[in-house]
Amino acid sequence: MSMGYSGTTAADRERTRAERLTEGLTVGVASVLAFVLLAGLATVFGTTAWHLVTDTGTTASSRLSTPMVLLALVALPVVLACLVFRSGRRKGMKQLTAMVPAALTLLGASVVLYAALCLVIRYAD
């Protein structure tokens, strides 16, 4: 009695493991970099919002709207990444495979916001 051929070889299983490792490293590195950028943005935006709220010359509407806008800007990359992740899961991707585009979206949106903040700081004067 001989065992049937399953169609997968050891090289296929190794490649799958390597792909999973690559996907995991991509997600990990992109997430760490994005959250470092988001922490910097949150610090700058939080400090700016605090100064605007506690300044005596600001109006009541700007005291309310400015922190909300700044919070929305910091939350935007996370919301976009969640939408990309859900889209990938609806297409039938495995969880780790769907996380790669989501993590790269998170990183890309964080970089764009960070660059925009740098431009605002550079040319605000």
PDB file of N, CA and C in Angstrom:
ATOM      1  N   MET A   1       0.828  -1.168   0.000  1.00  0.00           N
ATOM      2  CA  MET A   1       0.000   0.000   0.000  1.00  0.00           C
ATOM      3  C   MET A   1       0.881   1.242   0.000  1.00  0.00           C
ATOM      4  N   SER A   2       0.690   2.113  -0.947  1.00  0.00           N
ATOM      5  CA  SER A   2       1.497   3.322  -0.988  1.00  0.00           C
ATOM      6  C   SER A   2       0.634   4.515  -0.610  1.00  0.00           C
ATOM      7  N   MET A   3       1.305   5.494  -0.052  1.00  0.00           N
ATOM      8  CA  MET A   3       0.598   6.708   0.355  1.00  0.00           C
ATOM      9  C   MET A   3       0.406   7.590  -0.869  1.00  0.00           C
ATOM     10  N   GLY A   4      -0.708   8.280  -0.928  1.00  0.00           N
ATOM     11  CA  GLY A   4      -1.011   9.147  -2.066  1.00  0.00           C
ATOM     12  C   GLY A   4      -0.178  10.411  -2.037  1.00  0.00           C
ATOM     13  N   TYR A   5      -0.019  10.975  -3.209  1.00  0.00           N
ATOM     14  CA  TYR A   5       0.742  12.212  -3.341  1.00  0.00           C
ATOM     15  C   TYR A   5      -0.197  13.373  -3.082  1.00  0.00           C
ATOM     16  N   SER A   6       0.154  14.191  -2.127  1.00  0.00           N
ATOM     17  CA  SER A   6      -0.733  15.290  -1.736  1.00  0.00           C
ATOM     18  C   SER A   6      -0.588  16.517  -2.626  1.00  0.00           C
ATOM     19  N   GLY A   7       0.447  16.583  -3.442  1.00  0.00           N
ATOM     20  CA  GLY A   7       0.622  17.729  -4.327  1.00  0.00           C
ATOM     21  C   GLY A   7       1.463  18.842  -3.727  1.00  0.00           C
ATOM     22  N   THR A   8       1.758  18.795  -2.456  1.00  0.00           N
ATOM     23  CA  THR A   8       2.611  19.809  -1.845  1.00  0.00           C
ATOM     24  C   THR A   8       3.951  19.192  -1.519  1.00  0.00           C
ATOM     25  N   THR A   9       4.979  19.940  -1.739  1.00  0.00           N
ATOM     26  CA  THR A   9       6.316  19.463  -1.429  1.00  0.00           C
ATOM     27  C   THR A   9       6.852  20.234  -0.240  1.00  0.00           C
ATOM     28  N   ALA A  10       7.997  19.829   0.215  1.00  0.00           N
ATOM     29  CA  ALA A  10       8.620  20.532   1.342  1.00  0.00           C
ATOM     30  C   ALA A  10       8.970  21.966   0.953  1.00  0.00           C
ATOM     31  N   ALA A  11       9.337  22.180  -0.312  1.00  0.00           N
ATOM     32  CA  ALA A  11       9.671  23.534  -0.763  1.00  0.00           C
ATOM     33  C   ALA A  11       8.434  24.430  -0.736  1.00  0.00           C
ATOM     34  N   ASP A  12       7.271  23.882  -1.089  1.00  0.00           N
ATOM     35  CA  ASP A  12       6.040  24.667  -1.030  1.00  0.00           C
ATOM     36  C   ASP A  12       5.716  25.065   0.403  1.00  0.00           C
ATOM     37  N   ARG A  13       5.877  24.135   1.319  1.00  0.00           N
ATOM     38  CA  ARG A  13       5.610  24.450   2.725  1.00  0.00           C
ATOM     39  C   ARG A  13       6.613  25.467   3.251  1.00  0.00           C
ATOM     40  N   GLU A  14       7.890  25.372   2.851  1.00  0.00           N
ATOM     41  CA  GLU A  14       8.894  26.346   3.263  1.00  0.00           C
ATOM     42  C   GLU A  14       8.553  27.714   2.700  1.00  0.00           C
ATOM     43  N   ARG A  15       8.146  27.765   1.455  1.00  0.00           N
ATOM     44  CA  ARG A  15       7.803  29.033   0.838  1.00  0.00           C
ATOM     45  C   ARG A  15       6.629  29.667   1.560  1.00  0.00           C
ATOM     46  N   THR A  16       5.668  28.882   1.953  1.00  0.00           N
ATOM     47  CA  THR A  16       4.520  29.402   2.688  1.00  0.00           C
ATOM     48  C   THR A  16       4.964  29.974   4.027  1.00  0.00           C
ATOM     49  N   ARG A  17       5.848  29.274   4.706  1.00  0.00           N
ATOM     50  CA  ARG A  17       6.362  29.766   5.974  1.00  0.00           C
ATOM     51  C   ARG A  17       7.157  31.044   5.771  1.00  0.00           C
ATOM     52  N   ALA A  18       7.948  31.104   4.721  1.00  0.00           N
ATOM     53  CA  ALA A  18       8.727  32.309   4.420  1.00  0.00           C
ATOM     54  C   ALA A  18       7.803  33.470   4.069  1.00  0.00           C
ATOM     55  N   GLU A  19       6.752  33.192   3.326  1.00  0.00           N
ATOM     56  CA  GLU A  19       5.797  34.252   3.002  1.00  0.00           C
ATOM     57  C   GLU A  19       5.127  34.782   4.258  1.00  0.00           C
ATOM     58  N   ARG A  20       4.755  33.876   5.134  1.00  0.00           N
ATOM     59  CA  ARG A  20       4.131  34.320   6.389  1.00  0.00           C
ATOM     60  C   ARG A  20       5.103  35.142   7.214  1.00  0.00           C
ATOM     61  N   LEU A  21       6.354  34.753   7.247  1.00  0.00           N
ATOM     62  CA  LEU A  21       7.360  35.512   7.982  1.00  0.00           C
ATOM     63  C   LEU A  21       7.543  36.895   7.366  1.00  0.00           C
ATOM     64  N   THR A  22       7.601  36.951   6.035  1.00  0.00           N
ATOM     65  CA  THR A  22       7.740  38.241   5.354  1.00  0.00           C
ATOM     66  C   THR A  22       6.539  39.133   5.621  1.00  0.00           C
ATOM     67  N   GLU A  23       5.338  38.555   5.554  1.00  0.00           N
ATOM     68  CA  GLU A  23       4.130  39.335   5.833  1.00  0.00           C
ATOM     69  C   GLU A  23       4.125  39.835   7.269  1.00  0.00           C
ATOM     70  N   GLY A  24       4.503  38.975   8.198  1.00  0.00           N
ATOM     71  CA  GLY A  24       4.548  39.370   9.605  1.00  0.00           C
ATOM     72  C   GLY A  24       5.551  40.481   9.867  1.00  0.00           C
ATOM     73  N   LEU A  25       6.730  40.374   9.261  1.00  0.00           N
ATOM     74  CA  LEU A  25       7.737  41.421   9.426  1.00  0.00           C
ATOM     75  C   LEU A  25       7.277  42.733   8.788  1.00  0.00           C
ATOM     76  N   THR A  26       6.639  42.645   7.639  1.00  0.00           N
ATOM     77  CA  THR A  26       6.123  43.850   6.984  1.00  0.00           C
ATOM     78  C   THR A  26       5.099  44.544   7.864  1.00  0.00           C
ATOM     79  N   VAL A  27       4.172  43.763   8.405  1.00  0.00           N
ATOM     80  CA  VAL A  27       3.141  44.321   9.280  1.00  0.00           C
ATOM     81  C   VAL A  27       3.773  44.916  10.537  1.00  0.00           C
ATOM     82  N   GLY A  28       4.706  44.211  11.135  1.00  0.00           N
ATOM     83  CA  GLY A  28       5.335  44.690  12.362  1.00  0.00           C
ATOM     84  C   GLY A  28       6.111  45.973  12.168  1.00  0.00           C
ATOM     85  N   VAL A  29       6.963  46.006  11.161  1.00  0.00           N
ATOM     86  CA  VAL A  29       7.789  47.192  10.924  1.00  0.00           C
ATOM     87  C   VAL A  29       6.929  48.384  10.515  1.00  0.00           C
ATOM     88  N   ALA A  30       5.981  48.170   9.602  1.00  0.00           N
ATOM     89  CA  ALA A  30       5.117  49.269   9.162  1.00  0.00           C
ATOM     90  C   ALA A  30       4.276  49.802  10.320  1.00  0.00           C
ATOM     91  N   SER A  31       3.786  48.912  11.167  1.00  0.00           N
ATOM     92  CA  SER A  31       2.968  49.345  12.304  1.00  0.00           C
ATOM     93  C   SER A  31       3.773  50.150  13.308  1.00  0.00           C
ATOM     94  N   VAL A  32       4.977  49.700  13.617  1.00  0.00           N
ATOM     95  CA  VAL A  32       5.819  50.422  14.573  1.00  0.00           C
ATOM     96  C   VAL A  32       6.178  51.805  14.032  1.00  0.00           C
ATOM     97  N   LEU A  33       6.587  51.873  12.780  1.00  0.00           N
ATOM     98  CA  LEU A  33       6.929  53.173  12.197  1.00  0.00           C
ATOM     99  C   LEU A  33       5.715  54.099  12.151  1.00  0.00           C
ATOM    100  N   ALA A  34       4.559  53.557  11.784  1.00  0.00           N
ATOM    101  CA  ALA A  34       3.347  54.376  11.718  1.00  0.00           C
ATOM    102  C   ALA A  34       2.956  54.891  13.096  1.00  0.00           C
ATOM    103  N   PHE A  35       3.027  54.044  14.100  1.00  0.00           N
ATOM    104  CA  PHE A  35       2.643  54.496  15.432  1.00  0.00           C
ATOM    105  C   PHE A  35       3.638  55.479  16.028  1.00  0.00           C
ATOM    106  N   VAL A  36       4.910  55.380  15.663  1.00  0.00           N
ATOM    107  CA  VAL A  36       5.881  56.393  16.099  1.00  0.00           C
ATOM    108  C   VAL A  36       5.529  57.740  15.469  1.00  0.00           C
ATOM    109  N   LEU A  37       5.228  57.718  14.171  1.00  0.00           N
ATOM    110  CA  LEU A  37       4.826  58.954  13.501  1.00  0.00           C
ATOM    111  C   LEU A  37       3.532  59.505  14.084  1.00  0.00           C
ATOM    112  N   LEU A  38       2.569  58.622  14.348  1.00  0.00           N
ATOM    113  CA  LEU A  38       1.294  59.068  14.918  1.00  0.00           C
ATOM    114  C   LEU A  38       1.463  59.601  16.333  1.00  0.00           C
ATOM    115  N   ALA A  39       2.381  59.028  17.095  1.00  0.00           N
ATOM    116  CA  ALA A  39       2.623  59.546  18.443  1.00  0.00           C
ATOM    117  C   ALA A  39       3.211  60.952  18.376  1.00  0.00           C
ATOM    118  N   GLY A  40       4.116  61.180  17.430  1.00  0.00           N
ATOM    119  CA  GLY A  40       4.657  62.525  17.245  1.00  0.00           C
ATOM    120  C   GLY A  40       3.583  63.508  16.816  1.00  0.00           C
ATOM    121  N   LEU A  41       2.731  63.075  15.891  1.00  0.00           N
ATOM    122  CA  LEU A  41       1.630  63.928  15.452  1.00  0.00           C
ATOM    123  C   LEU A  41       0.671  64.227  16.592  1.00  0.00           C
ATOM    124  N   ALA A  42       0.345  63.213  17.361  1.00  0.00           N
ATOM    125  CA  ALA A  42      -0.586  63.410  18.480  1.00  0.00           C
ATOM    126  C   ALA A  42      -0.006  64.368  19.505  1.00  0.00           C
ATOM    127  N   THR A  43       1.290  64.279  19.741  1.00  0.00           N
ATOM    128  CA  THR A  43       1.934  65.186  20.691  1.00  0.00           C
ATOM    129  C   THR A  43       1.887  66.627  20.191  1.00  0.00           C
ATOM    130  N   VAL A  44       2.258  66.821  18.933  1.00  0.00           N
ATOM    131  CA  VAL A  44       2.249  68.180  18.380  1.00  0.00           C
ATOM    132  C   VAL A  44       0.829  68.724  18.307  1.00  0.00           C
ATOM    133  N   PHE A  45      -0.098  67.916  17.787  1.00  0.00           N
ATOM    134  CA  PHE A  45      -1.481  68.377  17.675  1.00  0.00           C
ATOM    135  C   PHE A  45      -2.104  68.600  19.054  1.00  0.00           C
ATOM    136  N   GLY A  46      -1.802  67.742  20.008  1.00  0.00           N
ATOM    137  CA  GLY A  46      -2.338  67.913  21.362  1.00  0.00           C
ATOM    138  C   GLY A  46      -1.826  69.171  22.027  1.00  0.00           C
ATOM    139  N   THR A  47      -0.533  69.431  21.862  1.00  0.00           N
ATOM    140  CA  THR A  47       0.037  70.650  22.432  1.00  0.00           C
ATOM    141  C   THR A  47      -0.564  71.889  21.779  1.00  0.00           C
ATOM    142  N   THR A  48      -0.709  71.846  20.455  1.00  0.00           N
ATOM    143  CA  THR A  48      -1.312  72.978  19.738  1.00  0.00           C
ATOM    144  C   THR A  48      -2.751  73.191  20.180  1.00  0.00           C
ATOM    145  N   ALA A  49      -3.492  72.109  20.274  1.00  0.00           N
ATOM    146  CA  ALA A  49      -4.893  72.224  20.701  1.00  0.00           C
ATOM    147  C   ALA A  49      -4.986  72.768  22.128  1.00  0.00           C
ATOM    148  N   TRP A  50      -4.103  72.323  22.998  1.00  0.00           N
ATOM    149  CA  TRP A  50      -4.117  72.801  24.379  1.00  0.00           C
ATOM    150  C   TRP A  50      -3.856  74.307  24.436  1.00  0.00           C
ATOM    151  N   HIS A  51      -2.881  74.759  23.670  1.00  0.00           N
ATOM    152  CA  HIS A  51      -2.579  76.195  23.647  1.00  0.00           C
ATOM    153  C   HIS A  51      -3.738  77.000  23.077  1.00  0.00           C
ATOM    154  N   LEU A  52      -4.390  76.473  22.048  1.00  0.00           N
ATOM    155  CA  LEU A  52      -5.522  77.185  21.460  1.00  0.00           C
ATOM    156  C   LEU A  52      -6.718  77.224  22.412  1.00  0.00           C
ATOM    157  N   VAL A  53      -6.936  76.146  23.131  1.00  0.00           N
ATOM    158  CA  VAL A  53      -8.087  76.074  24.037  1.00  0.00           C
ATOM    159  C   VAL A  53      -7.877  76.967  25.249  1.00  0.00           C
ATOM    160  N   THR A  54      -6.653  77.022  25.748  1.00  0.00           N
ATOM    161  CA  THR A  54      -6.396  77.802  26.964  1.00  0.00           C
ATOM    162  C   THR A  54      -6.042  79.252  26.683  1.00  0.00           C
ATOM    163  N   ASP A  55      -5.869  79.603  25.410  1.00  0.00           N
ATOM    164  CA  ASP A  55      -5.549  80.996  25.059  1.00  0.00           C
ATOM    165  C   ASP A  55      -6.776  81.864  25.315  1.00  0.00           C
ATOM    166  N   THR A  56      -6.554  83.033  25.854  1.00  0.00           N
ATOM    167  CA  THR A  56      -7.678  83.904  26.210  1.00  0.00           C
ATOM    168  C   THR A  56      -8.303  84.581  24.999  1.00  0.00           C
ATOM    169  N   GLY A  57      -7.615  84.643  23.874  1.00  0.00           N
ATOM    170  CA  GLY A  57      -8.134  85.362  22.723  1.00  0.00           C
ATOM    171  C   GLY A  57      -8.941  84.501  21.757  1.00  0.00           C
ATOM    172  N   THR A  58      -9.134  83.210  22.034  1.00  0.00           N
ATOM    173  CA  THR A  58      -9.847  82.355  21.092  1.00  0.00           C
ATOM    174  C   THR A  58     -11.337  82.346  21.373  1.00  0.00           C
ATOM    175  N   THR A  59     -12.100  82.085  20.343  1.00  0.00           N
ATOM    176  CA  THR A  59     -13.553  82.040  20.485  1.00  0.00           C
ATOM    177  C   THR A  59     -13.978  80.674  21.003  1.00  0.00           C
ATOM    178  N   ALA A  60     -15.220  80.605  21.454  1.00  0.00           N
ATOM    179  CA  ALA A  60     -15.734  79.341  21.992  1.00  0.00           C
ATOM    180  C   ALA A  60     -15.835  78.273  20.910  1.00  0.00           C
ATOM    181  N   SER A  61     -16.182  78.674  19.700  1.00  0.00           N
ATOM    182  CA  SER A  61     -16.304  77.676  18.631  1.00  0.00           C
ATOM    183  C   SER A  61     -14.941  77.100  18.238  1.00  0.00           C
ATOM    184  N   SER A  62     -13.909  77.931  18.214  1.00  0.00           N
ATOM    185  CA  SER A  62     -12.582  77.407  17.886  1.00  0.00           C
ATOM    186  C   SER A  62     -12.025  76.563  19.021  1.00  0.00           C
ATOM    187  N   ARG A  63     -12.426  76.850  20.243  1.00  0.00           N
ATOM    188  CA  ARG A  63     -11.988  76.016  21.369  1.00  0.00           C
ATOM    189  C   ARG A  63     -12.557  74.610  21.266  1.00  0.00           C
ATOM    190  N   LEU A  64     -13.717  74.481  20.663  1.00  0.00           N
ATOM    191  CA  LEU A  64     -14.341  73.166  20.492  1.00  0.00           C
ATOM    192  C   LEU A  64     -13.922  72.505  19.190  1.00  0.00           C
ATOM    193  N   SER A  65     -13.898  73.273  18.109  1.00  0.00           N
ATOM    194  CA  SER A  65     -13.654  72.680  16.794  1.00  0.00           C
ATOM    195  C   SER A  65     -12.191  72.304  16.559  1.00  0.00           C
ATOM    196  N   THR A  66     -11.268  73.073  17.050  1.00  0.00           N
ATOM    197  CA  THR A  66      -9.850  72.804  16.793  1.00  0.00           C
ATOM    198  C   THR A  66      -9.394  71.460  17.350  1.00  0.00           C
ATOM    199  N   PRO A  67      -9.683  71.121  18.607  1.00  0.00           N
ATOM    200  CA  PRO A  67      -9.272  69.794  19.076  1.00  0.00           C
ATOM    201  C   PRO A  67      -9.960  68.651  18.320  1.00  0.00           C
ATOM    202  N   MET A  68     -11.202  68.858  17.900  1.00  0.00           N
ATOM    203  CA  MET A  68     -11.913  67.812  17.152  1.00  0.00           C
ATOM    204  C   MET A  68     -11.271  67.582  15.780  1.00  0.00           C
ATOM    205  N   VAL A  69     -10.911  68.656  15.114  1.00  0.00           N
ATOM    206  CA  VAL A  69     -10.259  68.530  13.806  1.00  0.00           C
ATOM    207  C   VAL A  69      -8.895  67.859  13.959  1.00  0.00           C
ATOM    208  N   LEU A  70      -8.143  68.253  14.957  1.00  0.00           N
ATOM    209  CA  LEU A  70      -6.828  67.655  15.175  1.00  0.00           C
ATOM    210  C   LEU A  70      -6.944  66.181  15.558  1.00  0.00           C
ATOM    211  N   LEU A  71      -7.937  65.832  16.361  1.00  0.00           N
ATOM    212  CA  LEU A  71      -8.175  64.428  16.709  1.00  0.00           C
ATOM    213  C   LEU A  71      -8.566  63.623  15.478  1.00  0.00           C
ATOM    214  N   ALA A  72      -9.388  64.208  14.638  1.00  0.00           N
ATOM    215  CA  ALA A  72      -9.787  63.516  13.405  1.00  0.00           C
ATOM    216  C   ALA A  72      -8.583  63.289  12.492  1.00  0.00           C
ATOM    217  N   LEU A  73      -7.672  64.252  12.426  1.00  0.00           N
ATOM    218  CA  LEU A  73      -6.473  64.077  11.599  1.00  0.00           C
ATOM    219  C   LEU A  73      -5.585  62.953  12.112  1.00  0.00           C
ATOM    220  N   VAL A  74      -5.463  62.834  13.413  1.00  0.00           N
ATOM    221  CA  VAL A  74      -4.639  61.767  13.981  1.00  0.00           C
ATOM    222  C   VAL A  74      -5.328  60.411  13.802  1.00  0.00           C
ATOM    223  N   ALA A  75      -6.661  60.380  13.876  1.00  0.00           N
ATOM    224  CA  ALA A  75      -7.400  59.122  13.751  1.00  0.00           C
ATOM    225  C   ALA A  75      -7.582  58.678  12.300  1.00  0.00           C
ATOM    226  N   LEU A  76      -7.423  59.581  11.352  1.00  0.00           N
ATOM    227  CA  LEU A  76      -7.661  59.263   9.941  1.00  0.00           C
ATOM    228  C   LEU A  76      -6.835  58.082   9.427  1.00  0.00           C
ATOM    229  N   PRO A  77      -5.532  57.996   9.667  1.00  0.00           N
ATOM    230  CA  PRO A  77      -4.779  56.838   9.180  1.00  0.00           C
ATOM    231  C   PRO A  77      -5.269  55.512   9.754  1.00  0.00           C
ATOM    232  N   VAL A  78      -5.668  55.517  11.010  1.00  0.00           N
ATOM    233  CA  VAL A  78      -6.161  54.287  11.633  1.00  0.00           C
ATOM    234  C   VAL A  78      -7.482  53.857  10.999  1.00  0.00           C
ATOM    235  N   VAL A  79      -8.361  54.803  10.743  1.00  0.00           N
ATOM    236  CA  VAL A  79      -9.649  54.498  10.113  1.00  0.00           C
ATOM    237  C   VAL A  79      -9.431  53.963   8.701  1.00  0.00           C
ATOM    238  N   LEU A  80      -8.548  54.599   7.940  1.00  0.00           N
ATOM    239  CA  LEU A  80      -8.245  54.114   6.591  1.00  0.00           C
ATOM    240  C   LEU A  80      -7.678  52.698   6.610  1.00  0.00           C
ATOM    241  N   ALA A  81      -6.781  52.418   7.555  1.00  0.00           N
ATOM    242  CA  ALA A  81      -6.202  51.080   7.661  1.00  0.00           C
ATOM    243  C   ALA A  81      -7.268  50.045   8.012  1.00  0.00           C
ATOM    244  N   CYS A  82      -8.198  50.399   8.877  1.00  0.00           N
ATOM    245  CA  CYS A  82      -9.290  49.478   9.222  1.00  0.00           C
ATOM    246  C   CYS A  82     -10.161  49.188   8.009  1.00  0.00           C
ATOM    247  N   LEU A  83     -10.440  50.200   7.206  1.00  0.00           N
ATOM    248  CA  LEU A  83     -11.249  49.995   6.003  1.00  0.00           C
ATOM    249  C   LEU A  83     -10.540  49.077   5.003  1.00  0.00           C
ATOM    250  N   VAL A  84      -9.243  49.269   4.831  1.00  0.00           N
ATOM    251  CA  VAL A  84      -8.477  48.414   3.922  1.00  0.00           C
ATOM    252  C   VAL A  84      -8.442  46.982   4.444  1.00  0.00           C
ATOM    253  N   PHE A  85      -8.280  46.806   5.753  1.00  0.00           N
ATOM    254  CA  PHE A  85      -8.250  45.468   6.341  1.00  0.00           C
ATOM    255  C   PHE A  85      -9.591  44.757   6.143  1.00  0.00           C
ATOM    256  N   ARG A  86     -10.688  45.460   6.408  1.00  0.00           N
ATOM    257  CA  ARG A  86     -12.015  44.853   6.232  1.00  0.00           C
ATOM    258  C   ARG A  86     -12.275  44.500   4.778  1.00  0.00           C
ATOM    259  N   SER A  87     -11.822  45.344   3.871  1.00  0.00           N
ATOM    260  CA  SER A  87     -11.981  45.066   2.446  1.00  0.00           C
ATOM    261  C   SER A  87     -11.238  43.791   2.065  1.00  0.00           C
ATOM    262  N   GLY A  88     -10.037  43.638   2.578  1.00  0.00           N
ATOM    263  CA  GLY A  88      -9.262  42.430   2.311  1.00  0.00           C
ATOM    264  C   GLY A  88      -9.914  41.192   2.886  1.00  0.00           C
ATOM    265  N   ARG A  89     -10.472  41.309   4.070  1.00  0.00           N
ATOM    266  CA  ARG A  89     -11.140  40.151   4.686  1.00  0.00           C
ATOM    267  C   ARG A  89     -12.409  39.775   3.921  1.00  0.00           C
ATOM    268  N   ARG A  90     -13.123  40.794   3.389  1.00  0.00           N
ATOM    269  CA  ARG A  90     -14.326  40.498   2.595  1.00  0.00           C
ATOM    270  C   ARG A  90     -13.975  39.807   1.291  1.00  0.00           C
ATOM    271  N   LYS A  91     -12.778  40.057   0.777  1.00  0.00           N
ATOM    272  CA  LYS A  91     -12.342  39.405  -0.456  1.00  0.00           C
ATOM    273  C   LYS A  91     -11.852  37.986  -0.195  1.00  0.00           C
ATOM    274  N   GLY A  92     -11.869  37.567   1.041  1.00  0.00           N
ATOM    275  CA  GLY A  92     -11.495  36.195   1.381  1.00  0.00           C
ATOM    276  C   GLY A  92     -10.037  35.999   1.724  1.00  0.00           C
ATOM    277  N   MET A  93      -9.297  37.081   1.930  1.00  0.00           N
ATOM    278  CA  MET A  93      -7.889  36.947   2.307  1.00  0.00           C
ATOM    279  C   MET A  93      -7.774  36.454   3.744  1.00  0.00           C
ATOM    280  N   LYS A  94      -6.699  35.729   4.001  1.00  0.00           N
ATOM    281  CA  LYS A  94      -6.432  35.339   5.381  1.00  0.00           C
ATOM    282  C   LYS A  94      -6.064  36.579   6.177  1.00  0.00           C
ATOM    283  N   GLN A  95      -6.148  36.475   7.484  1.00  0.00           N
ATOM    284  CA  GLN A  95      -5.971  37.650   8.342  1.00  0.00           C
ATOM    285  C   GLN A  95      -4.606  38.303   8.155  1.00  0.00           C
ATOM    286  N   LEU A  96      -3.548  37.530   8.172  1.00  0.00           N
ATOM    287  CA  LEU A  96      -2.210  38.108   8.038  1.00  0.00           C
ATOM    288  C   LEU A  96      -2.016  38.709   6.656  1.00  0.00           C
ATOM    289  N   THR A  97      -2.535  38.058   5.630  1.00  0.00           N
ATOM    290  CA  THR A  97      -2.409  38.573   4.271  1.00  0.00           C
ATOM    291  C   THR A  97      -3.180  39.877   4.109  1.00  0.00           C
ATOM    292  N   ALA A  98      -4.320  40.003   4.763  1.00  0.00           N
ATOM    293  CA  ALA A  98      -5.109  41.232   4.697  1.00  0.00           C
ATOM    294  C   ALA A  98      -4.474  42.349   5.526  1.00  0.00           C
ATOM    295  N   MET A  99      -3.647  41.985   6.482  1.00  0.00           N
ATOM    296  CA  MET A  99      -3.018  42.996   7.336  1.00  0.00           C
ATOM    297  C   MET A  99      -1.892  43.748   6.630  1.00  0.00           C
ATOM    298  N   VAL A 100      -1.275  43.144   5.637  1.00  0.00           N
ATOM    299  CA  VAL A 100      -0.148  43.788   4.959  1.00  0.00           C
ATOM    300  C   VAL A 100      -0.575  45.077   4.265  1.00  0.00           C
ATOM    301  N   PRO A 101      -1.607  45.065   3.393  1.00  0.00           N
ATOM    302  CA  PRO A 101      -2.006  46.351   2.797  1.00  0.00           C
ATOM    303  C   PRO A 101      -2.531  47.340   3.832  1.00  0.00           C
ATOM    304  N   ALA A 102      -3.170  46.836   4.883  1.00  0.00           N
ATOM    305  CA  ALA A 102      -3.677  47.731   5.929  1.00  0.00           C
ATOM    306  C   ALA A 102      -2.526  48.412   6.664  1.00  0.00           C
ATOM    307  N   ALA A 103      -1.480  47.662   6.985  1.00  0.00           N
ATOM    308  CA  ALA A 103      -0.331  48.250   7.680  1.00  0.00           C
ATOM    309  C   ALA A 103       0.403  49.242   6.776  1.00  0.00           C
ATOM    310  N   LEU A 104       0.510  48.928   5.506  1.00  0.00           N
ATOM    311  CA  LEU A 104       1.157  49.859   4.582  1.00  0.00           C
ATOM    312  C   LEU A 104       0.311  51.111   4.378  1.00  0.00           C
ATOM    313  N   THR A 105      -1.008  50.966   4.385  1.00  0.00           N
ATOM    314  CA  THR A 105      -1.895  52.132   4.321  1.00  0.00           C
ATOM    315  C   THR A 105      -1.717  53.000   5.556  1.00  0.00           C
ATOM    316  N   LEU A 106      -1.638  52.367   6.711  1.00  0.00           N
ATOM    317  CA  LEU A 106      -1.422  53.095   7.958  1.00  0.00           C
ATOM    318  C   LEU A 106      -0.112  53.874   7.906  1.00  0.00           C
ATOM    319  N   LEU A 107       0.937  53.232   7.440  1.00  0.00           N
ATOM    320  CA  LEU A 107       2.235  53.887   7.343  1.00  0.00           C
ATOM    321  C   LEU A 107       2.203  55.027   6.326  1.00  0.00           C
ATOM    322  N   GLY A 108       1.610  54.778   5.173  1.00  0.00           N
ATOM    323  CA  GLY A 108       1.547  55.808   4.141  1.00  0.00           C
ATOM    324  C   GLY A 108       0.766  57.033   4.579  1.00  0.00           C
ATOM    325  N   ALA A 109      -0.380  56.811   5.201  1.00  0.00           N
ATOM    326  CA  ALA A 109      -1.187  57.941   5.672  1.00  0.00           C
ATOM    327  C   ALA A 109      -0.474  58.696   6.787  1.00  0.00           C
ATOM    328  N   SER A 110       0.240  57.983   7.641  1.00  0.00           N
ATOM    329  CA  SER A 110       0.997  58.637   8.712  1.00  0.00           C
ATOM    330  C   SER A 110       2.120  59.491   8.144  1.00  0.00           C
ATOM    331  N   VAL A 111       2.797  58.983   7.127  1.00  0.00           N
ATOM    332  CA  VAL A 111       3.881  59.738   6.496  1.00  0.00           C
ATOM    333  C   VAL A 111       3.329  60.989   5.822  1.00  0.00           C
ATOM    334  N   VAL A 112       2.189  60.865   5.150  1.00  0.00           N
ATOM    335  CA  VAL A 112       1.583  62.025   4.484  1.00  0.00           C
ATOM    336  C   VAL A 112       1.206  63.092   5.515  1.00  0.00           C
ATOM    337  N   LEU A 113       0.563  62.678   6.612  1.00  0.00           N
ATOM    338  CA  LEU A 113       0.206  63.648   7.650  1.00  0.00           C
ATOM    339  C   LEU A 113       1.441  64.272   8.296  1.00  0.00           C
ATOM    340  N   TYR A 114       2.468  63.472   8.525  1.00  0.00           N
ATOM    341  CA  TYR A 114       3.697  63.987   9.115  1.00  0.00           C
ATOM    342  C   TYR A 114       4.360  64.998   8.178  1.00  0.00           C
ATOM    343  N   ALA A 115       4.374  64.687   6.880  1.00  0.00           N
ATOM    344  CA  ALA A 115       4.952  65.614   5.910  1.00  0.00           C
ATOM    345  C   ALA A 115       4.135  66.904   5.844  1.00  0.00           C
ATOM    346  N   ALA A 116       2.813  66.769   5.911  1.00  0.00           N
ATOM    347  CA  ALA A 116       1.960  67.965   5.907  1.00  0.00           C
ATOM    348  C   ALA A 116       2.223  68.817   7.141  1.00  0.00           C
ATOM    349  N   LEU A 117       2.390  68.191   8.288  1.00  0.00           N
ATOM    350  CA  LEU A 117       2.691  68.932   9.509  1.00  0.00           C
ATOM    351  C   LEU A 117       4.037  69.640   9.393  1.00  0.00           C
ATOM    352  N   CYS A 118       5.023  68.956   8.830  1.00  0.00           N
ATOM    353  CA  CYS A 118       6.335  69.588   8.645  1.00  0.00           C
ATOM    354  C   CYS A 118       6.244  70.791   7.721  1.00  0.00           C
ATOM    355  N   LEU A 119       5.450  70.685   6.663  1.00  0.00           N
ATOM    356  CA  LEU A 119       5.274  71.820   5.752  1.00  0.00           C
ATOM    357  C   LEU A 119       4.561  72.976   6.435  1.00  0.00           C
ATOM    358  N   VAL A 120       3.559  72.665   7.245  1.00  0.00           N
ATOM    359  CA  VAL A 120       2.837  73.719   7.964  1.00  0.00           C
ATOM    360  C   VAL A 120       3.773  74.424   8.931  1.00  0.00           C
ATOM    361  N   ILE A 121       4.554  73.657   9.654  1.00  0.00           N
ATOM    362  CA  ILE A 121       5.490  74.253  10.623  1.00  0.00           C
ATOM    363  C   ILE A 121       6.554  75.073   9.884  1.00  0.00           C
ATOM    364  N   ARG A 122       7.025  74.557   8.760  1.00  0.00           N
ATOM    365  CA  ARG A 122       8.082  75.236   8.008  1.00  0.00           C
ATOM    366  C   ARG A 122       7.603  76.564   7.433  1.00  0.00           C
ATOM    367  N   TYR A 123       6.402  76.581   6.866  1.00  0.00           N
ATOM    368  CA  TYR A 123       5.934  77.771   6.165  1.00  0.00           C
ATOM    369  C   TYR A 123       4.876  78.554   6.916  1.00  0.00           C
ATOM    370  N   ALA A 124       4.670  78.278   8.184  1.00  0.00           N
ATOM    371  CA  ALA A 124       3.641  78.980   8.957  1.00  0.00           C
ATOM    372  C   ALA A 124       4.040  80.413   9.296  1.00  0.00           C
ATOM    373  N   ASP A 125       5.316  80.685   9.354  1.00  0.00           N
ATOM    374  CA  ASP A 125       5.763  82.033   9.727  1.00  0.00           C
ATOM    375  C   ASP A 125       5.666  82.982   8.627  1.00  0.00           C
TER     376      ASP A 125
END
